[in-house]
Amino acid sequence: MGQFRQISTFVEVIARGSLSAAARAEGIAPAMIGRRLDALEARLGVKLLQRTTRKLALTDEGAAFLEDCQRILAELAEAEAAVSERSAHASGHLLVSAPAGFGRLHVAPLVPSFLLEHREVTLDLNLNDRVVDVIGEGVDVAIRIATLEDSNLVGVKLADNRRVVVAAPAYLKRHGTPRSLDELARHNCLAIGRAGSQRGWSFSEDGKVVTLKVSGNMECNDGAVLHAWALAGRGLAWRSLWEVSADIEAGRLVPVLDDFAAPGNDIHAVFAQRRHLPLRIRVFVDFLRHAYSRPDYWRESF
């Protein structure tokens, strides 16, 4: 029990931003919070926090440990929820945020089924491509396809994801299949363009991630348009598997340069750290994770 209290205190201090704020939330003296952190660091034999009277800073070891602690506490909350679900009913309103393209394909179609299972829950789905302020905007669950960095949020992995370069069979028949990154220079690459700048495509080469500026005769700031252009045989596109896996399965698109694929940005559900997470949030996250884990899910068309 003492070890668990030390860990939960460590996570709470980071979430609250100070020892005094964590102490107020628990109704104890700040000195008690400090003793718990001291005991935790002594037990682990590493420094987790650099503490001054004005601010806290995580050490490298502390940042890595925090990520593990958040995951463990989230899994414990889920285990407790699973035990109590038979005697409890999810209720209330959910505000869910998701990237526009992913939300249209892989969140919106699942919402009706979720609400049929949980009839006392209402849901507002907000689709946009900016990174929302989960806490400041009162978002209950945000879907993010990225590496998670905000220590004030809890992240639950929903599914694997990576980006692939794809083209229609007709395009590859006309222009050939690229076998190396250098060969991209002679292909028409359909890229995301925003305000005159291009984000570039990332690959793994010789153990390092490299980002290449590609060129082509068409750019667009909407990924769905690039997807449609690729299907029409207009060029190569660098798209997420969640978007093109059904097309690859059906043969409408062909992946190329897979040997150079960069590590993926997995799909996560993130939410604010809370001592008592509402059941409606837990069951919604579990519902998505279960849906995405079905063997045939990503090969289905929506």
Protein backbone atom coordinates (compact mmCIF):
# COMPACT_ATOMS: atom_id res chain seq x y z
CA MET A 1 0.00 0.00 0.00
CA GLY A 2 2.86 2.40 0.81
CA GLN A 3 4.51 1.83 -2.57
CA PHE A 4 1.24 2.42 -4.41
CA ARG A 5 0.64 5.64 -2.45
CA GLN A 6 4.11 6.90 -3.35
CA ILE A 7 3.48 6.23 -7.05
CA SER A 8 0.02 7.84 -7.06
CA THR A 9 1.42 10.84 -5.19
CA PHE A 10 4.21 11.21 -7.77
CA VAL A 11 1.67 11.23 -10.63
CA GLU A 12 -0.63 13.62 -8.77
CA VAL A 13 2.19 16.10 -8.09
CA ILE A 14 3.05 16.26 -11.79
CA ALA A 15 -0.61 16.60 -12.76
CA ARG A 16 -1.20 19.40 -10.24
CA GLY A 17 2.09 21.16 -10.91
CA SER A 18 3.25 21.50 -7.30
CA LEU A 19 3.53 19.70 -3.97
CA SER A 20 1.20 22.18 -2.30
CA ALA A 21 -1.52 21.72 -4.91
CA ALA A 22 -1.31 17.94 -4.57
CA ALA A 23 -1.44 18.28 -0.79
CA ARG A 24 -4.55 20.48 -0.95
CA ALA A 25 -6.30 17.98 -3.22
CA GLU A 26 -5.60 15.20 -0.71
CA GLY A 27 -6.18 17.32 2.38
CA ILE A 28 -2.76 16.77 3.94
CA ALA A 29 0.33 18.86 4.64
CA PRO A 30 2.79 19.51 1.78
CA ALA A 31 5.55 18.04 3.95
CA MET A 32 3.80 14.68 3.80
CA ILE A 33 3.80 14.81 0.00
CA GLY A 34 7.51 15.64 0.06
CA ARG A 35 8.27 12.69 2.35
CA ARG A 36 6.45 10.31 0.02
CA LEU A 37 8.47 11.55 -2.95
CA ASP A 38 11.71 11.27 -0.96
CA ALA A 39 10.83 7.71 0.00
CA LEU A 40 10.00 6.81 -3.59
CA GLU A 41 13.30 8.19 -4.91
CA ALA A 42 15.22 6.46 -2.12
CA ARG A 43 13.52 3.14 -2.86
CA LEU A 44 14.23 3.42 -6.60
CA GLY A 45 17.71 4.82 -6.16
CA VAL A 46 17.18 7.55 -8.77
CA LYS A 47 16.26 11.22 -8.80
CA LEU A 48 12.82 11.68 -10.36
CA LEU A 49 12.24 15.39 -9.79
CA GLN A 50 14.34 18.50 -9.55
CA ARG A 51 12.50 20.53 -6.91
CA THR A 52 12.86 24.21 -6.07
CA THR A 53 10.56 26.54 -4.18
CA ARG A 54 9.18 27.82 -7.47
CA LYS A 55 8.98 24.91 -9.89
CA LEU A 56 9.27 21.19 -10.53
CA ALA A 57 11.19 19.59 -13.36
CA LEU A 58 11.23 15.93 -14.31
CA THR A 59 14.58 14.25 -14.79
CA ASP A 60 14.98 11.90 -17.76
CA GLU A 61 14.45 8.96 -15.43
CA GLY A 62 11.42 10.70 -13.93
CA ALA A 63 9.82 11.31 -17.33
CA ALA A 64 10.20 7.64 -18.31
CA PHE A 65 8.91 6.48 -14.92
CA LEU A 66 5.94 8.85 -15.13
CA GLU A 67 4.81 7.34 -18.42
CA ASP A 68 4.87 3.84 -16.92
CA CYS A 69 3.06 5.01 -13.77
CA GLN A 70 0.31 6.70 -15.78
CA ARG A 71 -0.21 3.55 -17.82
CA ILE A 72 -0.32 1.36 -14.70
CA LEU A 73 -2.80 3.63 -12.93
CA ALA A 74 -4.98 3.79 -16.04
CA GLU A 75 -4.97 0.00 -16.33
CA LEU A 76 -5.83 -0.33 -12.65
CA ALA A 77 -8.76 2.06 -13.11
CA GLU A 78 -9.94 -0.01 -16.06
CA ALA A 79 -9.68 -3.23 -14.04
CA GLU A 80 -11.74 -1.70 -11.23
CA ALA A 81 -14.29 -0.48 -13.74
CA ALA A 82 -14.59 -3.93 -15.29
CA VAL A 83 -15.39 -5.43 -11.90
CA SER A 84 -18.04 -2.84 -11.09
CA GLU A 85 -19.66 -2.54 -14.52
CA ARG A 86 -22.24 -5.25 -13.80
CA SER A 87 -23.79 -3.17 -11.06
CA ALA A 88 -23.25 0.29 -12.57
CA HIS A 89 -24.60 2.05 -15.62
CA ALA A 90 -22.74 4.66 -17.63
CA SER A 91 -24.65 7.92 -17.88
CA GLY A 92 -24.15 11.58 -18.68
CA HIS A 93 -22.73 13.55 -21.60
CA LEU A 94 -19.48 12.85 -23.47
CA LEU A 95 -17.56 15.46 -25.45
CA VAL A 96 -15.26 13.60 -27.84
CA SER A 97 -12.68 15.18 -30.14
CA ALA A 98 -11.02 13.43 -33.08
CA PRO A 99 -9.03 14.32 -36.21
CA ALA A 100 -11.50 15.03 -39.01
CA GLY A 101 -10.52 12.24 -41.41
CA PHE A 102 -10.05 9.57 -38.78
CA GLY A 103 -13.19 10.64 -36.95
CA ARG A 104 -15.35 10.39 -40.06
CA LEU A 105 -14.10 6.90 -40.88
CA HIS A 106 -13.42 5.27 -37.53
CA VAL A 107 -15.26 7.10 -34.76
CA ALA A 108 -18.54 8.42 -36.18
CA PRO A 109 -19.65 5.03 -37.60
CA LEU A 110 -19.16 3.41 -34.16
CA VAL A 111 -21.06 6.02 -32.12
CA PRO A 112 -24.59 4.67 -32.82
CA SER A 113 -23.62 1.17 -31.66
CA PHE A 114 -21.99 2.57 -28.53
CA LEU A 115 -25.10 4.58 -27.66
CA LEU A 116 -27.32 1.53 -28.20
CA GLU A 117 -25.28 -0.27 -25.54
CA HIS A 118 -25.28 2.74 -23.19
CA ARG A 119 -28.68 4.38 -23.54
CA GLU A 120 -28.16 6.80 -20.67
CA VAL A 121 -25.14 8.43 -22.39
CA THR A 122 -25.31 11.30 -24.88
CA LEU A 123 -22.34 12.18 -27.09
CA ASP A 124 -21.03 15.23 -28.92
CA LEU A 125 -18.39 14.37 -31.55
CA ASN A 126 -16.14 17.29 -32.51
CA LEU A 127 -14.06 16.68 -35.65
CA ASN A 128 -11.13 18.97 -36.41
CA ASP A 129 -7.45 18.72 -37.21
CA ARG A 130 -6.04 21.00 -34.52
CA VAL A 131 -4.67 19.70 -31.21
CA VAL A 132 -7.43 20.55 -28.74
CA ASP A 133 -6.77 21.66 -25.17
CA VAL A 134 -8.37 18.70 -23.43
CA ILE A 135 -8.52 20.31 -20.00
CA GLY A 136 -9.16 23.91 -21.05
CA GLU A 137 -11.93 23.01 -23.51
CA GLY A 138 -13.62 20.45 -21.28
CA VAL A 139 -13.05 17.56 -23.68
CA ASP A 140 -13.76 14.18 -22.08
CA VAL A 141 -11.86 12.05 -24.63
CA ALA A 142 -9.57 13.16 -27.46
CA ILE A 143 -8.36 10.79 -30.15
CA ARG A 144 -4.78 11.52 -31.11
CA ILE A 145 -2.54 9.92 -33.71
CA ALA A 146 0.83 11.04 -32.42
CA THR A 147 3.50 10.53 -29.83
CA LEU A 148 2.06 11.64 -26.50
CA GLU A 149 3.99 14.30 -24.57
CA ASP A 150 1.54 16.07 -22.23
CA SER A 151 2.14 14.72 -18.72
CA ASN A 152 -1.17 16.19 -17.54
CA LEU A 153 -3.06 13.69 -19.69
CA VAL A 154 -3.56 9.94 -19.53
CA GLY A 155 -3.10 8.11 -22.83
CA VAL A 156 -4.56 4.72 -23.67
CA LYS A 157 -3.36 3.05 -26.85
CA LEU A 158 -6.26 2.04 -29.08
CA ALA A 159 -4.44 0.60 -32.10
CA ASP A 160 -1.17 0.47 -34.01
CA ASN A 161 -0.70 2.83 -36.91
CA ARG A 162 1.96 3.69 -39.46
CA ARG A 163 2.20 5.63 -42.71
CA VAL A 164 2.74 3.99 -46.08
CA VAL A 165 3.47 5.24 -49.58
CA VAL A 166 0.74 4.00 -51.90
CA ALA A 167 -0.23 4.28 -55.54
CA ALA A 168 -2.88 2.87 -57.83
CA PRO A 169 -1.83 -0.13 -59.95
CA ALA A 170 -2.43 1.96 -63.09
CA TYR A 171 0.04 4.62 -61.96
CA LEU A 172 2.73 2.03 -61.17
CA LYS A 173 2.17 0.36 -64.54
CA ARG A 174 2.77 3.67 -66.32
CA HIS A 175 5.66 4.99 -64.21
CA GLY A 176 7.23 1.98 -62.51
CA THR A 177 7.58 1.11 -58.83
CA PRO A 178 10.14 3.04 -56.77
CA ARG A 179 12.66 0.79 -55.01
CA SER A 180 14.70 3.40 -53.15
CA LEU A 181 14.12 6.81 -51.61
CA ASP A 182 16.22 8.44 -54.34
CA GLU A 183 13.71 7.23 -56.94
CA LEU A 184 10.97 9.37 -55.40
CA ALA A 185 12.48 12.35 -57.23
CA ARG A 186 11.23 11.03 -60.57
CA HIS A 187 7.69 10.34 -59.38
CA ASN A 188 4.65 12.57 -59.06
CA CYS A 189 4.17 12.82 -55.29
CA LEU A 190 0.85 14.02 -53.91
CA ALA A 191 1.70 15.95 -50.76
CA ILE A 192 0.00 17.90 -48.02
CA GLY A 193 0.48 21.60 -48.74
CA ARG A 194 -0.32 24.30 -46.20
CA ALA A 195 0.15 28.03 -46.81
CA GLY A 196 2.88 27.46 -49.36
CA SER A 197 4.86 25.02 -47.22
CA GLN A 198 5.09 21.25 -47.38
CA ARG A 199 5.35 18.99 -44.36
CA GLY A 200 7.55 16.36 -46.07
CA TRP A 201 7.46 12.55 -45.90
CA SER A 202 9.32 10.64 -43.16
CA PHE A 203 11.18 7.38 -43.65
CA SER A 204 13.63 5.15 -41.82
CA GLU A 205 17.03 4.83 -43.49
CA ASP A 206 20.15 3.30 -41.93
CA GLY A 207 18.45 3.28 -38.55
CA LYS A 208 17.59 6.98 -38.64
CA VAL A 209 14.36 8.81 -39.41
CA VAL A 210 14.75 11.13 -42.39
CA THR A 211 12.21 13.61 -43.75
CA LEU A 212 12.19 14.26 -47.49
CA LYS A 213 10.65 17.10 -49.42
CA VAL A 214 8.88 15.54 -52.38
CA SER A 215 7.58 17.17 -55.53
CA GLY A 216 4.59 16.78 -57.79
CA ASN A 217 2.08 18.76 -59.81
CA MET A 218 -0.69 18.68 -57.17
CA GLU A 219 -0.82 19.48 -53.46
CA CYS A 220 -3.76 19.80 -51.10
CA ASN A 221 -4.28 20.57 -47.42
CA ASP A 222 -6.98 17.85 -47.18
CA GLY A 223 -5.82 14.25 -46.82
CA ALA A 224 -9.07 12.86 -48.23
CA VAL A 225 -8.40 14.66 -51.51
CA LEU A 226 -4.87 13.20 -51.72
CA HIS A 227 -6.39 9.77 -51.06
CA ALA A 228 -8.87 10.26 -53.93
CA TRP A 229 -6.14 11.47 -56.28
CA ALA A 230 -4.05 8.40 -55.48
CA LEU A 231 -7.01 6.11 -56.19
CA ALA A 232 -7.45 7.89 -59.52
CA GLY A 233 -3.86 7.06 -60.47
CA ARG A 234 -2.49 10.61 -60.26
CA GLY A 235 0.62 9.81 -58.25
CA LEU A 236 2.15 8.48 -55.05
CA ALA A 237 0.61 9.42 -51.70
CA TRP A 238 1.94 9.04 -48.13
CA ARG A 239 -1.07 8.04 -46.08
CA SER A 240 -1.90 6.39 -42.75
CA LEU A 241 -2.87 2.72 -42.73
CA TRP A 242 -6.15 3.58 -40.99
CA GLU A 243 -7.11 5.44 -44.16
CA VAL A 244 -5.88 3.12 -46.92
CA SER A 245 -5.80 -0.40 -45.44
CA ALA A 246 -9.15 -1.35 -47.01
CA ASP A 247 -7.93 -0.10 -50.42
CA ILE A 248 -4.72 -2.11 -50.09
CA GLU A 249 -6.70 -5.21 -49.13
CA ALA A 250 -8.98 -4.74 -52.17
CA GLY A 251 -6.07 -4.07 -54.54
CA ARG A 252 -7.15 -0.51 -55.33
CA LEU A 253 -3.85 0.78 -53.92
CA VAL A 254 -0.42 -0.85 -53.69
CA PRO A 255 2.08 -0.05 -50.90
CA VAL A 256 5.65 0.74 -51.99
CA LEU A 257 8.92 1.43 -50.15
CA ASP A 258 7.74 -0.59 -47.13
CA ASP A 259 11.37 -1.38 -46.25
CA PHE A 260 11.81 2.33 -45.46
CA ALA A 261 8.66 2.81 -43.39
CA ALA A 262 9.26 5.07 -40.38
CA PRO A 263 8.07 4.08 -36.90
CA GLY A 264 4.36 4.69 -36.65
CA ASN A 265 2.38 7.20 -34.64
CA ASP A 266 -0.07 4.98 -32.83
CA ILE A 267 -3.72 5.81 -32.20
CA HIS A 268 -4.48 6.88 -28.62
CA ALA A 269 -7.39 8.03 -26.53
CA VAL A 270 -6.32 10.75 -24.12
CA PHE A 271 -8.18 12.30 -21.21
CA ALA A 272 -7.44 14.42 -18.17
CA GLN A 273 -6.08 12.72 -15.08
CA ARG A 274 -8.85 12.31 -12.53
CA ARG A 275 -9.01 10.54 -9.21
CA HIS A 276 -12.39 9.06 -10.12
CA LEU A 277 -12.75 8.66 -13.89
CA PRO A 278 -16.42 8.71 -14.94
CA LEU A 279 -17.68 5.35 -16.11
CA ARG A 280 -18.92 6.85 -19.39
CA ILE A 281 -15.31 7.70 -20.33
CA ARG A 282 -14.00 4.26 -19.41
CA VAL A 283 -16.66 2.36 -21.34
CA PHE A 284 -16.26 4.57 -24.42
CA VAL A 285 -12.49 4.06 -24.54
CA ASP A 286 -12.94 0.31 -24.00
CA PHE A 287 -15.58 0.22 -26.76
CA LEU A 288 -13.20 1.81 -29.29
CA ARG A 289 -10.29 -0.38 -28.26
CA HIS A 290 -12.39 -3.53 -28.59
CA ALA A 291 -13.70 -2.46 -32.01
CA TYR A 292 -10.24 -1.68 -33.36
CA SER A 293 -8.84 -4.97 -32.05
CA ARG A 294 -11.17 -7.09 -34.20
CA PRO A 295 -9.03 -9.02 -36.71
CA ASP A 296 -10.96 -7.80 -39.77
CA TYR A 297 -11.72 -4.27 -38.64
CA TRP A 298 -9.04 -2.37 -40.60
CA ARG A 299 -9.79 -4.32 -43.78
CA GLU A 300 -13.44 -3.26 -43.80
CA SER A 301 -14.66 -0.36 -45.93
CA PHE A 302 -16.65 2.45 -44.39
